[in-house]
Amino acid sequence: MLVYPGTAGHVCRRHRRWLLAHPGRPASIPLETLPEVLTAHRHHSVLARSRPDAADVVALAAAVVWSWQVQGWRSEPVWQDRVHRLAAVTGSVPTAVVPHALVSYPETIAVARLLGAPRWQQRLRETAAVEGAGAATELLLGEISRRAGRPWLAAWLTAWTRTRPRTAAQADPLNGWLRRLTAADGPGSDGLWTVHRAAVRPTEYGDRASFLTDRRSRSICEEAGAVFLTGGWEPVPAPRPGPAPCP
């Protein structure tokens, strides 16, 4: 099996291609029409070089972005545009591309860079200490909104936090991270990046099997289960024990 080790091995920058691990022969997809993926990969590589816990940081960020998708943002215009561009370069139908983590990869890395920045961690702690947890939350959501390129995101998330069930608040990965970060006794390095089991992106949502060299006729469901766009980057956090999400 072809293996591309480490974050930096997932993209050939010279040829602007995303490398796929495929049994038997090399495979890749072109990224000329997806410059935001190339930019995110560059930032991801820097993060991986600068932090020994980068995988945990990205895993929590992936859970944060997945929580947006759970709230019905799969049809969000930016992601829909990316889905159609991915479908065009892979020769797949858009329905088959939607489940895969590469669609939200740029947003995941943007969130990871913010959460992993010591300067921002300190600023959030100071804000919580002086102005309260609500002010720290508002500050964090505003910056996430800016970095994700969604001006409406902070207001939407604020409204959602006021109406969601208590169980959803307990499993919210961003809420849990900020609570641990701003705890009175300081964040514990071992638990800061923990992801509640109910918040983890289901593995069956993006089965890892290549479709690039298999052109047999398949149903949409089969194709969605077989498409492979992530190249092995998608993080799998060590989840905190908790109730499993509803099927």
Protein backbone atom coordinates (compact mmCIF):
# COMPACT_ATOMS: atom_id res chain seq x y z
CA MET A 1 0.00 0.00 0.00
CA LEU A 2 1.22 3.48 -0.83
CA VAL A 3 1.74 5.57 2.30
CA TYR A 4 2.39 9.30 2.59
CA PRO A 5 3.76 9.90 6.10
CA GLY A 6 3.08 13.05 8.04
CA THR A 7 1.08 16.14 7.23
CA ALA A 8 3.61 17.46 4.71
CA GLY A 9 3.36 14.27 2.66
CA HIS A 10 -0.27 14.76 1.70
CA VAL A 11 0.27 17.46 -0.91
CA CYS A 12 2.82 17.79 -3.68
CA ARG A 13 3.25 21.55 -3.76
CA ARG A 14 5.26 21.51 -6.95
CA HIS A 15 2.47 19.81 -8.88
CA ARG A 16 -0.39 21.13 -6.72
CA ARG A 17 -1.92 17.74 -6.18
CA TRP A 18 -3.48 16.05 -3.15
CA LEU A 19 -1.89 12.62 -2.77
CA LEU A 20 -4.14 9.66 -2.06
CA ALA A 21 -3.07 6.43 -0.41
CA HIS A 22 -4.21 3.76 -2.84
CA PRO A 23 -3.36 0.05 -2.84
CA GLY A 24 -1.28 -0.84 -5.85
CA ARG A 25 -0.55 2.43 -7.54
CA PRO A 26 -0.17 6.16 -6.89
CA ALA A 27 -3.23 8.38 -7.20
CA SER A 28 -3.89 12.05 -6.67
CA ILE A 29 -6.30 14.86 -7.45
CA PRO A 30 -5.39 18.30 -8.87
CA LEU A 31 -5.82 21.34 -6.64
CA GLU A 32 -5.46 24.21 -9.12
CA THR A 33 -9.13 25.08 -8.64
CA LEU A 34 -8.92 24.67 -4.85
CA PRO A 35 -6.35 27.26 -3.72
CA GLU A 36 -7.86 27.42 -0.23
CA VAL A 37 -6.97 23.74 0.29
CA LEU A 38 -3.36 24.42 -0.70
CA THR A 39 -3.23 27.37 1.69
CA ALA A 40 -4.75 25.33 4.51
CA HIS A 41 -2.23 22.56 3.93
CA ARG A 42 0.63 25.05 4.16
CA HIS A 43 -0.72 26.31 7.48
CA HIS A 44 -1.31 22.74 8.64
CA SER A 45 2.32 21.86 7.91
CA VAL A 46 3.58 24.87 9.89
CA LEU A 47 1.33 23.92 12.80
CA ALA A 48 2.61 20.34 12.72
CA ARG A 49 6.22 21.52 12.81
CA SER A 50 5.67 24.00 15.63
CA ARG A 51 3.57 21.93 18.02
CA PRO A 52 4.18 18.38 19.22
CA ASP A 53 0.46 18.13 20.02
CA ALA A 54 -0.66 19.47 16.63
CA ALA A 55 -2.63 16.31 15.83
CA ASP A 56 -4.72 16.78 18.97
CA VAL A 57 -5.28 20.46 18.19
CA VAL A 58 -6.50 19.65 14.68
CA ALA A 59 -8.65 16.80 15.98
CA LEU A 60 -10.50 19.14 18.30
CA ALA A 61 -10.86 21.74 15.54
CA ALA A 62 -12.30 19.05 13.27
CA ALA A 63 -14.89 18.24 15.95
CA VAL A 64 -15.76 21.94 16.20
CA VAL A 65 -16.33 22.22 12.45
CA TRP A 66 -18.25 18.94 12.42
CA SER A 67 -20.61 20.45 15.02
CA TRP A 68 -21.38 23.16 12.49
CA GLN A 69 -22.22 20.55 9.86
CA VAL A 70 -24.45 18.69 12.32
CA GLN A 71 -26.45 21.90 12.73
CA GLY A 72 -27.41 21.75 9.07
CA TRP A 73 -24.58 23.66 7.44
CA ARG A 74 -23.85 20.97 4.86
CA SER A 75 -25.69 23.20 2.38
CA GLU A 76 -23.72 26.32 3.36
CA PRO A 77 -22.77 28.16 0.12
CA VAL A 78 -18.99 28.14 0.64
CA TRP A 79 -18.98 24.38 1.22
CA GLN A 80 -21.39 23.76 -1.64
CA ASP A 81 -19.09 25.64 -4.01
CA ARG A 82 -16.14 23.56 -2.78
CA VAL A 83 -18.13 20.35 -3.20
CA HIS A 84 -18.82 21.16 -6.85
CA ARG A 85 -15.17 22.01 -7.51
CA LEU A 86 -14.05 18.77 -5.87
CA ALA A 87 -16.61 16.82 -7.84
CA ALA A 88 -15.36 18.40 -11.06
CA VAL A 89 -11.70 17.47 -10.49
CA THR A 90 -12.47 13.94 -9.29
CA GLY A 91 -15.12 13.08 -11.86
CA SER A 92 -17.50 12.15 -9.07
CA VAL A 93 -21.05 13.27 -8.39
CA PRO A 94 -21.43 16.02 -5.76
CA THR A 95 -23.44 13.71 -3.51
CA ALA A 96 -20.41 11.45 -3.20
CA VAL A 97 -18.12 14.33 -2.24
CA VAL A 98 -20.30 15.89 0.47
CA PRO A 99 -19.41 13.44 3.29
CA HIS A 100 -15.69 13.93 3.15
CA ALA A 101 -13.52 15.92 5.50
CA LEU A 102 -11.61 17.67 2.70
CA VAL A 103 -14.73 19.81 2.13
CA SER A 104 -14.26 21.46 5.53
CA TYR A 105 -10.46 21.14 5.67
CA PRO A 106 -9.70 24.89 5.27
CA GLU A 107 -12.09 25.82 8.09
CA THR A 108 -10.72 23.05 10.30
CA ILE A 109 -7.16 24.33 9.97
CA ALA A 110 -8.27 27.94 10.48
CA VAL A 111 -9.91 26.97 13.78
CA ALA A 112 -6.91 24.82 14.79
CA ARG A 113 -4.48 27.70 14.25
CA LEU A 114 -6.60 29.97 16.43
CA LEU A 115 -7.13 27.49 19.27
CA GLY A 116 -3.46 26.52 19.27
CA ALA A 117 -2.11 30.09 19.35
CA PRO A 118 -0.61 30.86 22.80
CA ARG A 119 -1.32 34.57 22.34
CA TRP A 120 -5.01 33.91 21.81
CA GLN A 121 -5.16 31.42 24.66
CA GLN A 122 -3.71 34.04 27.01
CA ARG A 123 -6.06 36.72 25.72
CA LEU A 124 -9.07 34.47 26.31
CA ARG A 125 -7.92 33.65 29.85
CA GLU A 126 -7.45 37.32 30.66
CA THR A 127 -10.83 38.25 29.18
CA ALA A 128 -12.58 35.54 31.18
CA ALA A 129 -10.83 36.62 34.38
CA VAL A 130 -11.68 40.30 33.97
CA GLU A 131 -14.98 40.33 32.08
CA GLY A 132 -16.37 36.84 32.59
CA ALA A 133 -16.84 33.67 30.56
CA GLY A 134 -19.50 35.25 28.35
CA ALA A 135 -17.10 37.92 27.14
CA ALA A 136 -14.42 35.32 26.41
CA THR A 137 -16.93 33.30 24.42
CA GLU A 138 -18.00 36.36 22.43
CA LEU A 139 -14.36 37.21 21.68
CA LEU A 140 -13.59 33.68 20.53
CA LEU A 141 -16.67 33.36 18.32
CA GLY A 142 -15.97 36.72 16.71
CA GLU A 143 -12.42 35.71 15.79
CA ILE A 144 -13.52 32.31 14.51
CA SER A 145 -16.13 34.04 12.35
CA ARG A 146 -13.46 36.32 10.89
CA ARG A 147 -10.97 33.54 10.19
CA ALA A 148 -13.59 31.24 8.71
CA GLY A 149 -14.73 33.98 6.34
CA ARG A 150 -18.34 33.86 7.58
CA PRO A 151 -19.32 37.30 8.97
CA TRP A 152 -22.63 35.87 10.22
CA LEU A 153 -21.09 32.94 12.10
CA ALA A 154 -20.58 34.56 15.52
CA ALA A 155 -24.19 35.75 15.76
CA TRP A 156 -25.47 32.39 14.53
CA LEU A 157 -23.44 30.45 17.08
CA THR A 158 -24.46 32.81 19.88
CA ALA A 159 -28.11 32.28 19.04
CA TRP A 160 -27.60 28.53 18.84
CA THR A 161 -25.95 28.35 22.26
CA ARG A 162 -28.99 30.05 23.81
CA THR A 163 -31.51 27.60 22.38
CA ARG A 164 -29.71 24.26 22.26
CA PRO A 165 -30.54 21.46 24.73
CA ARG A 166 -28.40 21.12 27.85
CA THR A 167 -26.98 17.82 26.59
CA ALA A 168 -25.76 19.51 23.41
CA ALA A 169 -24.00 22.20 25.44
CA GLN A 170 -22.20 19.58 27.52
CA ALA A 171 -20.85 17.85 24.41
CA ASP A 172 -19.98 21.03 22.49
CA PRO A 173 -16.24 20.77 21.71
CA LEU A 174 -15.62 24.52 21.56
CA ASN A 175 -17.53 25.22 24.76
CA GLY A 176 -15.65 22.45 26.57
CA TRP A 177 -12.27 23.65 25.32
CA LEU A 178 -12.90 27.24 26.42
CA ARG A 179 -14.18 26.10 29.81
CA ARG A 180 -11.04 24.05 30.42
CA LEU A 181 -8.79 26.81 29.12
CA THR A 182 -10.25 29.46 31.41
CA ALA A 183 -10.61 27.26 34.50
CA ALA A 184 -9.50 28.96 37.70
CA ASP A 185 -6.63 26.53 38.22
CA GLY A 186 -5.40 26.86 34.64
CA PRO A 187 -5.69 24.44 31.71
CA GLY A 188 -4.34 20.93 32.06
CA SER A 189 -2.18 20.04 29.09
CA ASP A 190 -3.41 16.45 29.16
CA GLY A 191 -7.08 17.38 28.94
CA LEU A 192 -7.24 20.63 27.02
CA TRP A 193 -7.71 18.93 23.65
CA THR A 194 -10.05 16.17 24.81
CA VAL A 195 -13.09 15.61 22.58
CA HIS A 196 -16.37 14.34 23.98
CA ARG A 197 -17.39 11.12 22.29
CA ALA A 198 -20.73 12.58 21.22
CA ALA A 199 -18.90 15.36 19.33
CA VAL A 200 -16.61 13.17 17.22
CA ARG A 201 -17.24 13.02 13.48
CA PRO A 202 -18.58 9.51 12.76
CA THR A 203 -15.99 7.40 10.96
CA GLU A 204 -18.65 5.94 8.67
CA TYR A 205 -19.30 9.45 7.35
CA GLY A 206 -16.12 9.27 5.28
CA ASP A 207 -15.14 5.67 4.54
CA ARG A 208 -11.56 5.40 3.31
CA ALA A 209 -11.61 3.61 -0.03
CA SER A 210 -10.32 4.82 -3.36
CA PHE A 211 -12.66 5.43 -6.27
CA LEU A 212 -10.21 6.95 -8.75
CA THR A 213 -9.34 3.71 -10.52
CA ASP A 214 -12.71 1.99 -10.13
CA ARG A 215 -15.11 3.08 -12.86
CA ARG A 216 -17.79 0.41 -12.51
CA SER A 217 -21.37 1.58 -12.31
CA ARG A 218 -22.43 2.28 -8.74
CA SER A 219 -25.38 3.73 -6.91
CA ILE A 220 -25.02 7.12 -5.24
CA CYS A 221 -24.88 5.43 -1.83
CA GLU A 222 -22.14 3.07 -2.96
CA GLU A 223 -20.15 5.91 -4.49
CA ALA A 224 -20.48 8.03 -1.38
CA GLY A 225 -19.14 5.13 0.66
CA ALA A 226 -16.23 4.50 -1.69
CA VAL A 227 -14.95 8.00 -2.47
CA PHE A 228 -11.65 8.87 -0.76
CA LEU A 229 -10.47 12.48 -0.75
CA THR A 230 -8.70 12.96 2.55
CA GLY A 231 -5.38 11.23 1.92
CA GLY A 232 -5.29 9.99 5.50
CA TRP A 233 -5.09 13.46 7.11
CA GLU A 234 -8.42 13.32 8.90
CA PRO A 235 -7.70 13.31 12.64
CA VAL A 236 -9.18 10.72 14.96
CA PRO A 237 -9.22 12.11 18.51
CA ALA A 238 -9.06 10.04 21.65
CA PRO A 239 -12.62 10.79 22.77
CA ARG A 240 -13.70 11.36 26.34
CA PRO A 241 -16.17 8.72 27.58
CA GLY A 242 -19.72 9.81 27.08
CA PRO A 243 -23.02 8.81 25.48
CA ALA A 244 -22.74 7.84 21.84
CA PRO A 245 -24.51 10.10 19.32
CA CYS A 246 -27.89 9.03 18.12
CA PRO A 247 -27.80 6.99 14.89
